[in-house]
N, C-alpha and C. Protein backbone atom coordinates (compact mmCIF):
# COMPACT_ATOMS: atom_id res chain seq x y z
N UNK A 1 35.54 -47.78 206.16
CA UNK A 1 34.23 -48.17 205.70
C UNK A 1 33.88 -47.39 204.43
N UNK A 2 33.53 -48.09 203.36
CA UNK A 2 33.20 -47.47 202.08
C UNK A 2 31.74 -47.05 202.07
N UNK A 3 31.50 -45.84 201.56
CA UNK A 3 30.13 -45.34 201.48
C UNK A 3 29.36 -46.13 200.41
N UNK A 4 28.16 -46.54 200.75
CA UNK A 4 27.31 -47.30 199.83
C UNK A 4 26.84 -46.39 198.70
N UNK A 5 26.90 -46.87 197.47
CA UNK A 5 26.46 -46.11 196.29
C UNK A 5 24.95 -45.93 196.33
N UNK A 6 24.48 -44.74 196.03
CA UNK A 6 23.05 -44.43 196.04
C UNK A 6 22.57 -44.10 194.64
N UNK A 7 21.29 -44.33 194.41
CA UNK A 7 20.67 -43.92 193.14
C UNK A 7 20.49 -42.41 193.15
N UNK A 8 20.42 -41.79 191.98
CA UNK A 8 20.14 -40.35 191.95
C UNK A 8 18.78 -40.06 192.59
N UNK A 9 18.67 -38.92 193.25
CA UNK A 9 17.42 -38.56 193.95
C UNK A 9 16.20 -38.61 193.03
N UNK A 10 16.34 -38.12 191.81
CA UNK A 10 15.18 -38.09 190.92
C UNK A 10 14.64 -39.48 190.63
N UNK A 11 15.53 -40.48 190.57
CA UNK A 11 15.13 -41.84 190.20
C UNK A 11 14.21 -42.48 191.23
N UNK A 12 14.26 -42.01 192.47
CA UNK A 12 13.41 -42.57 193.52
C UNK A 12 12.30 -41.61 193.94
N UNK A 13 12.23 -40.45 193.31
CA UNK A 13 11.17 -39.48 193.64
C UNK A 13 9.82 -40.01 193.14
N UNK A 14 8.76 -39.83 193.92
CA UNK A 14 7.43 -40.34 193.50
C UNK A 14 6.98 -39.83 192.13
N UNK A 15 7.27 -38.58 191.80
CA UNK A 15 6.83 -38.01 190.52
C UNK A 15 7.47 -38.72 189.33
N UNK A 16 8.69 -39.28 189.51
CA UNK A 16 9.39 -39.89 188.39
C UNK A 16 8.65 -41.10 187.83
N UNK A 17 7.97 -41.84 188.68
CA UNK A 17 7.25 -43.04 188.23
C UNK A 17 5.74 -42.84 188.20
N UNK A 18 5.29 -41.60 188.23
CA UNK A 18 3.85 -41.28 188.20
C UNK A 18 3.48 -40.73 186.83
N UNK A 19 2.86 -41.55 185.96
CA UNK A 19 2.54 -41.09 184.60
C UNK A 19 1.64 -39.85 184.53
N UNK A 20 0.96 -39.51 185.61
CA UNK A 20 0.14 -38.29 185.60
C UNK A 20 0.98 -37.04 185.83
N UNK A 21 2.23 -37.21 186.26
CA UNK A 21 3.13 -36.08 186.45
C UNK A 21 3.84 -35.82 185.12
N UNK A 22 3.81 -34.60 184.67
CA UNK A 22 4.37 -34.24 183.36
C UNK A 22 5.87 -34.48 183.26
N UNK A 23 6.58 -34.56 184.39
CA UNK A 23 8.03 -34.79 184.40
C UNK A 23 8.40 -36.26 184.26
N UNK A 24 7.43 -37.14 184.41
CA UNK A 24 7.67 -38.58 184.32
C UNK A 24 8.00 -38.97 182.87
N UNK A 25 9.00 -39.82 182.64
CA UNK A 25 9.35 -40.17 181.26
C UNK A 25 8.40 -41.16 180.58
N UNK A 26 7.50 -41.78 181.33
CA UNK A 26 6.58 -42.76 180.73
C UNK A 26 5.83 -42.12 179.56
N UNK A 27 5.82 -42.77 178.42
CA UNK A 27 5.17 -42.33 177.18
C UNK A 27 5.87 -41.16 176.49
N UNK A 28 7.06 -40.78 176.96
CA UNK A 28 7.82 -39.72 176.28
C UNK A 28 8.39 -40.28 174.98
N UNK A 29 8.77 -39.38 174.08
CA UNK A 29 9.34 -39.76 172.78
C UNK A 29 10.77 -39.26 172.70
N UNK A 30 11.63 -40.07 172.12
CA UNK A 30 13.01 -39.66 171.91
C UNK A 30 13.07 -38.58 170.83
N UNK A 31 13.77 -37.50 171.13
CA UNK A 31 14.03 -36.46 170.12
C UNK A 31 15.49 -36.44 169.71
N UNK A 32 16.37 -36.70 170.68
CA UNK A 32 17.79 -36.61 170.36
C UNK A 32 18.58 -37.55 171.27
N UNK A 33 19.55 -38.21 170.67
CA UNK A 33 20.50 -39.05 171.38
C UNK A 33 21.89 -38.62 170.95
N UNK A 34 22.72 -38.22 171.90
CA UNK A 34 24.09 -37.81 171.60
C UNK A 34 25.05 -38.67 172.40
N UNK A 35 26.01 -39.24 171.72
CA UNK A 35 27.08 -39.98 172.37
C UNK A 35 28.37 -39.23 172.07
N UNK A 36 29.00 -38.73 173.12
CA UNK A 36 30.23 -37.94 172.98
C UNK A 36 31.40 -38.69 173.59
N UNK A 37 32.57 -38.49 172.98
CA UNK A 37 33.81 -39.05 173.51
C UNK A 37 34.84 -37.93 173.60
N UNK A 38 34.67 -37.04 174.59
CA UNK A 38 35.65 -35.96 174.74
C UNK A 38 37.03 -36.52 175.06
N UNK A 39 38.04 -35.85 174.57
CA UNK A 39 39.42 -36.35 174.72
C UNK A 39 40.33 -35.27 175.27
N UNK A 40 41.34 -35.71 176.01
CA UNK A 40 42.39 -34.82 176.51
C UNK A 40 43.72 -35.52 176.28
N UNK A 41 44.78 -34.82 176.59
CA UNK A 41 46.12 -35.38 176.42
C UNK A 41 46.78 -34.85 175.17
N UNK A 42 48.08 -35.03 175.08
CA UNK A 42 48.85 -34.53 173.93
C UNK A 42 48.32 -35.05 172.60
N UNK A 43 47.94 -36.31 172.58
CA UNK A 43 47.45 -36.91 171.34
C UNK A 43 45.95 -37.24 171.42
N UNK A 44 45.26 -36.58 172.37
CA UNK A 44 43.85 -36.87 172.62
C UNK A 44 43.63 -38.34 172.98
N UNK A 45 44.62 -38.90 173.70
CA UNK A 45 44.57 -40.32 174.01
C UNK A 45 43.73 -40.65 175.24
N UNK A 46 43.45 -39.66 176.08
CA UNK A 46 42.63 -39.88 177.27
C UNK A 46 41.18 -39.58 176.92
N UNK A 47 40.38 -40.62 176.83
CA UNK A 47 39.02 -40.46 176.35
C UNK A 47 38.02 -40.91 177.40
N UNK A 48 36.84 -40.37 177.31
CA UNK A 48 35.73 -40.79 178.15
C UNK A 48 34.47 -40.78 177.28
N UNK A 49 33.38 -41.31 177.83
CA UNK A 49 32.13 -41.36 177.06
C UNK A 49 31.02 -40.75 177.89
N UNK A 50 30.21 -39.93 177.24
CA UNK A 50 29.01 -39.38 177.87
C UNK A 50 27.85 -39.52 176.89
N UNK A 51 26.66 -39.67 177.44
CA UNK A 51 25.45 -39.81 176.63
C UNK A 51 24.43 -38.79 177.12
N UNK A 52 23.77 -38.13 176.18
CA UNK A 52 22.69 -37.20 176.51
C UNK A 52 21.45 -37.60 175.71
N UNK A 53 20.34 -37.71 176.41
CA UNK A 53 19.04 -38.00 175.79
C UNK A 53 18.14 -36.79 175.97
N UNK A 54 17.43 -36.42 174.92
CA UNK A 54 16.38 -35.42 175.06
C UNK A 54 15.08 -36.06 174.61
N UNK A 55 14.10 -36.05 175.51
CA UNK A 55 12.80 -36.64 175.27
C UNK A 55 11.74 -35.57 175.25
N UNK A 56 10.76 -35.71 174.37
CA UNK A 56 9.57 -34.87 174.42
C UNK A 56 8.64 -35.51 175.41
N UNK A 57 8.28 -34.78 176.46
CA UNK A 57 7.42 -35.32 177.50
C UNK A 57 6.09 -35.82 176.95
N UNK A 58 5.47 -36.74 177.67
CA UNK A 58 4.23 -37.37 177.23
C UNK A 58 3.11 -36.36 176.96
N UNK A 59 3.10 -35.24 177.68
CA UNK A 59 2.05 -34.23 177.50
C UNK A 59 2.46 -33.15 176.50
N UNK A 60 3.65 -33.30 175.92
CA UNK A 60 4.18 -32.39 174.88
C UNK A 60 4.31 -30.95 175.37
N UNK A 61 4.48 -30.78 176.68
CA UNK A 61 4.61 -29.44 177.25
C UNK A 61 6.01 -29.17 177.80
N UNK A 62 6.93 -30.07 177.52
CA UNK A 62 8.30 -29.88 177.98
C UNK A 62 9.20 -31.02 177.56
N UNK A 63 10.47 -30.86 177.86
CA UNK A 63 11.47 -31.86 177.50
C UNK A 63 12.16 -32.39 178.76
N UNK A 64 12.49 -33.64 178.69
CA UNK A 64 13.28 -34.30 179.73
C UNK A 64 14.68 -34.50 179.14
N UNK A 65 15.68 -34.06 179.89
CA UNK A 65 17.06 -34.24 179.45
C UNK A 65 17.78 -35.11 180.48
N UNK A 66 18.25 -36.25 180.04
CA UNK A 66 19.03 -37.15 180.89
C UNK A 66 20.47 -37.13 180.40
N UNK A 67 21.39 -36.91 181.33
CA UNK A 67 22.82 -36.86 180.99
C UNK A 67 23.54 -37.93 181.79
N UNK A 68 24.27 -38.76 181.08
CA UNK A 68 25.03 -39.85 181.68
C UNK A 68 26.51 -39.50 181.56
N UNK A 69 27.17 -39.39 182.70
CA UNK A 69 28.60 -39.02 182.73
C UNK A 69 29.43 -40.22 183.16
N UNK A 70 30.59 -40.34 182.58
CA UNK A 70 31.46 -41.46 182.92
C UNK A 70 30.84 -42.79 182.52
N UNK A 71 30.33 -42.84 181.31
CA UNK A 71 29.69 -44.07 180.82
C UNK A 71 30.75 -45.16 180.69
N UNK A 72 30.44 -46.33 181.22
CA UNK A 72 31.37 -47.46 181.16
C UNK A 72 30.89 -48.51 180.16
N UNK A 73 29.58 -48.67 180.06
CA UNK A 73 29.00 -49.64 179.12
C UNK A 73 27.66 -49.09 178.65
N UNK A 74 27.34 -49.41 177.40
CA UNK A 74 25.98 -49.14 176.94
C UNK A 74 25.62 -50.11 175.84
N UNK A 75 24.34 -50.35 175.74
CA UNK A 75 23.80 -51.20 174.69
C UNK A 75 22.47 -50.59 174.26
N UNK A 76 22.35 -50.29 172.99
CA UNK A 76 21.13 -49.70 172.44
C UNK A 76 20.64 -50.68 171.38
N UNK A 77 19.60 -51.44 171.70
CA UNK A 77 19.14 -52.50 170.79
C UNK A 77 17.70 -52.26 170.37
N UNK A 78 17.48 -52.34 169.07
CA UNK A 78 16.14 -52.24 168.54
C UNK A 78 16.02 -53.18 167.34
N UNK A 79 14.87 -53.81 167.25
CA UNK A 79 14.67 -54.71 166.12
C UNK A 79 14.22 -53.95 164.88
N UNK A 80 13.64 -52.76 165.11
CA UNK A 80 13.14 -51.98 163.98
C UNK A 80 12.82 -50.57 164.48
N UNK A 81 13.27 -49.56 163.76
CA UNK A 81 13.00 -48.19 164.21
C UNK A 81 12.67 -47.25 163.05
N UNK A 82 12.08 -47.81 162.00
CA UNK A 82 11.74 -46.99 160.83
C UNK A 82 10.85 -45.80 161.21
N UNK A 83 9.93 -46.02 162.15
CA UNK A 83 9.03 -44.94 162.59
C UNK A 83 9.42 -44.42 163.97
N UNK A 84 10.65 -44.64 164.36
CA UNK A 84 11.11 -44.23 165.68
C UNK A 84 10.97 -45.37 166.67
N UNK A 85 11.29 -45.08 167.92
CA UNK A 85 11.27 -46.10 168.96
C UNK A 85 9.92 -46.23 169.64
N UNK A 86 9.03 -45.29 169.37
CA UNK A 86 7.73 -45.32 170.05
C UNK A 86 7.84 -44.69 171.43
N UNK A 87 6.96 -45.09 172.32
CA UNK A 87 6.89 -44.52 173.67
C UNK A 87 7.92 -45.14 174.60
N UNK A 88 8.45 -44.32 175.50
CA UNK A 88 9.27 -44.79 176.61
C UNK A 88 8.31 -45.56 177.51
N UNK A 89 8.41 -46.85 177.52
CA UNK A 89 7.43 -47.68 178.22
C UNK A 89 7.74 -47.79 179.71
N UNK A 90 8.95 -48.19 180.02
CA UNK A 90 9.33 -48.33 181.42
C UNK A 90 10.84 -48.28 181.54
N UNK A 91 11.30 -48.01 182.77
CA UNK A 91 12.73 -47.98 183.02
C UNK A 91 12.99 -48.36 184.46
N UNK A 92 14.24 -48.71 184.72
CA UNK A 92 14.63 -49.13 186.05
C UNK A 92 16.07 -48.70 186.32
N UNK A 93 16.29 -48.11 187.48
CA UNK A 93 17.63 -47.77 187.94
C UNK A 93 18.07 -48.76 189.00
N UNK A 94 19.34 -49.13 188.97
CA UNK A 94 19.91 -49.98 190.01
C UNK A 94 21.40 -49.69 190.08
N UNK A 95 22.04 -50.30 191.06
CA UNK A 95 23.49 -50.18 191.20
C UNK A 95 24.10 -51.47 190.65
N UNK A 96 25.01 -51.34 189.72
CA UNK A 96 25.63 -52.51 189.08
C UNK A 96 26.64 -53.17 190.01
N UNK A 97 27.11 -54.33 189.61
CA UNK A 97 28.13 -55.03 190.40
C UNK A 97 29.44 -54.24 190.45
N UNK A 98 29.64 -53.32 189.52
CA UNK A 98 30.82 -52.45 189.52
C UNK A 98 30.59 -51.15 190.28
N UNK A 99 29.47 -51.07 191.01
CA UNK A 99 29.11 -49.90 191.82
C UNK A 99 28.84 -48.66 190.96
N UNK A 100 28.31 -48.89 189.77
CA UNK A 100 27.92 -47.80 188.88
C UNK A 100 26.40 -47.75 188.81
N UNK A 101 25.88 -46.68 188.27
CA UNK A 101 24.43 -46.57 188.10
C UNK A 101 24.04 -47.26 186.79
N UNK A 102 23.15 -48.20 186.89
CA UNK A 102 22.68 -48.95 185.72
C UNK A 102 21.25 -48.52 185.42
N UNK A 103 21.02 -48.08 184.20
CA UNK A 103 19.69 -47.64 183.78
C UNK A 103 19.23 -48.51 182.61
N UNK A 104 18.14 -49.23 182.83
CA UNK A 104 17.54 -50.07 181.80
C UNK A 104 16.27 -49.38 181.31
N UNK A 105 16.12 -49.28 180.00
CA UNK A 105 14.97 -48.61 179.40
C UNK A 105 14.32 -49.53 178.38
N UNK A 106 13.01 -49.59 178.43
CA UNK A 106 12.24 -50.37 177.45
C UNK A 106 11.32 -49.41 176.69
N UNK A 107 11.46 -49.45 175.36
CA UNK A 107 10.64 -48.63 174.47
C UNK A 107 9.53 -49.50 173.90
N UNK A 108 8.33 -48.94 173.76
CA UNK A 108 7.17 -49.73 173.33
C UNK A 108 7.22 -50.13 171.88
N UNK A 109 7.81 -49.32 171.04
CA UNK A 109 7.80 -49.61 169.62
C UNK A 109 6.39 -49.49 169.06
N UNK A 110 6.21 -49.94 167.85
CA UNK A 110 4.89 -49.94 167.24
C UNK A 110 4.44 -51.38 167.12
N UNK A 111 3.18 -51.63 167.02
CA UNK A 111 2.59 -52.97 167.10
C UNK A 111 3.40 -54.06 166.42
N UNK A 112 3.69 -53.90 165.17
CA UNK A 112 4.38 -54.97 164.43
C UNK A 112 5.90 -54.87 164.50
N UNK A 113 6.41 -53.79 165.07
CA UNK A 113 7.85 -53.56 165.03
C UNK A 113 8.59 -54.06 166.26
N UNK A 114 7.92 -54.35 167.33
CA UNK A 114 8.59 -54.87 168.52
C UNK A 114 9.20 -53.80 169.39
N UNK A 115 9.67 -54.25 170.53
CA UNK A 115 10.24 -53.36 171.54
C UNK A 115 11.72 -53.10 171.28
N UNK A 116 12.18 -52.04 171.92
CA UNK A 116 13.61 -51.72 171.94
C UNK A 116 14.06 -51.70 173.39
N UNK A 117 15.32 -52.07 173.62
CA UNK A 117 15.85 -52.13 174.98
C UNK A 117 17.20 -51.42 175.02
N UNK A 118 17.34 -50.55 176.01
CA UNK A 118 18.59 -49.84 176.20
C UNK A 118 19.14 -50.16 177.58
N UNK A 119 20.45 -50.20 177.69
CA UNK A 119 21.13 -50.38 178.96
C UNK A 119 22.30 -49.41 178.97
N UNK A 120 22.35 -48.56 180.00
CA UNK A 120 23.44 -47.59 180.13
C UNK A 120 23.98 -47.69 181.55
N UNK A 121 25.29 -47.88 181.66
CA UNK A 121 25.95 -47.98 182.95
C UNK A 121 26.95 -46.83 183.06
N UNK A 122 26.79 -45.99 184.08
CA UNK A 122 27.59 -44.77 184.17
C UNK A 122 27.92 -44.42 185.62
N UNK A 123 28.91 -43.56 185.76
CA UNK A 123 29.29 -43.07 187.09
C UNK A 123 28.23 -42.15 187.67
N UNK A 124 27.57 -41.38 186.82
CA UNK A 124 26.58 -40.43 187.31
C UNK A 124 25.51 -40.19 186.24
N UNK A 125 24.31 -39.88 186.69
CA UNK A 125 23.19 -39.57 185.80
C UNK A 125 22.48 -38.35 186.37
N UNK A 126 22.18 -37.39 185.50
CA UNK A 126 21.42 -36.22 185.94
C UNK A 126 20.14 -36.09 185.12
N UNK A 127 19.16 -35.41 185.69
CA UNK A 127 17.84 -35.23 185.09
C UNK A 127 17.54 -33.74 185.06
N UNK A 128 16.94 -33.29 183.96
CA UNK A 128 16.49 -31.90 183.87
C UNK A 128 15.14 -31.87 183.17
N UNK A 129 14.20 -31.12 183.73
CA UNK A 129 12.91 -30.87 183.11
C UNK A 129 12.95 -29.46 182.53
N UNK A 130 12.68 -29.33 181.23
CA UNK A 130 12.71 -28.04 180.56
C UNK A 130 11.31 -27.75 180.02
N UNK A 131 10.55 -26.85 180.68
CA UNK A 131 9.21 -26.53 180.17
C UNK A 131 9.28 -26.02 178.74
N UNK A 132 8.26 -26.32 177.96
CA UNK A 132 8.28 -25.99 176.53
C UNK A 132 8.47 -24.50 176.28
N UNK A 133 7.96 -23.65 177.13
CA UNK A 133 8.13 -22.21 176.93
C UNK A 133 9.60 -21.81 176.99
N UNK A 134 10.47 -22.64 177.63
CA UNK A 134 11.89 -22.35 177.73
C UNK A 134 12.71 -23.00 176.64
N UNK A 135 12.11 -23.91 175.88
CA UNK A 135 12.84 -24.68 174.88
C UNK A 135 13.08 -23.83 173.66
N UNK A 136 14.32 -23.87 173.16
CA UNK A 136 14.66 -23.10 171.96
C UNK A 136 14.34 -23.88 170.73
């Protein structure tokens, strides 16, 4: 019997979807997006993909760091980002048909610039809240 894939604990925690909780990503702003492809092997032929997001929390008192390990697919689409992506409007975690964690994110954008949509499918996702007093 195969163990059923579960969402990360943080994704189903009440605080994660409560905009009054400072750890909730709703209305956070993107500060950094890193896509890494670490390699191993004699010719660096064995590659993988990881993604790290750092968001400034909605109350500007800390950062949210999301790390996606074993990324299999991603799509980062925006119609316009001259002034940034705007607020993290909403997101949804689910289990994909390939038994991976699928994270869909919708960014609010600015009035005339339209929304942005991200999709990241990975083996694992972790969450970290870093209070501003600890941020370098």
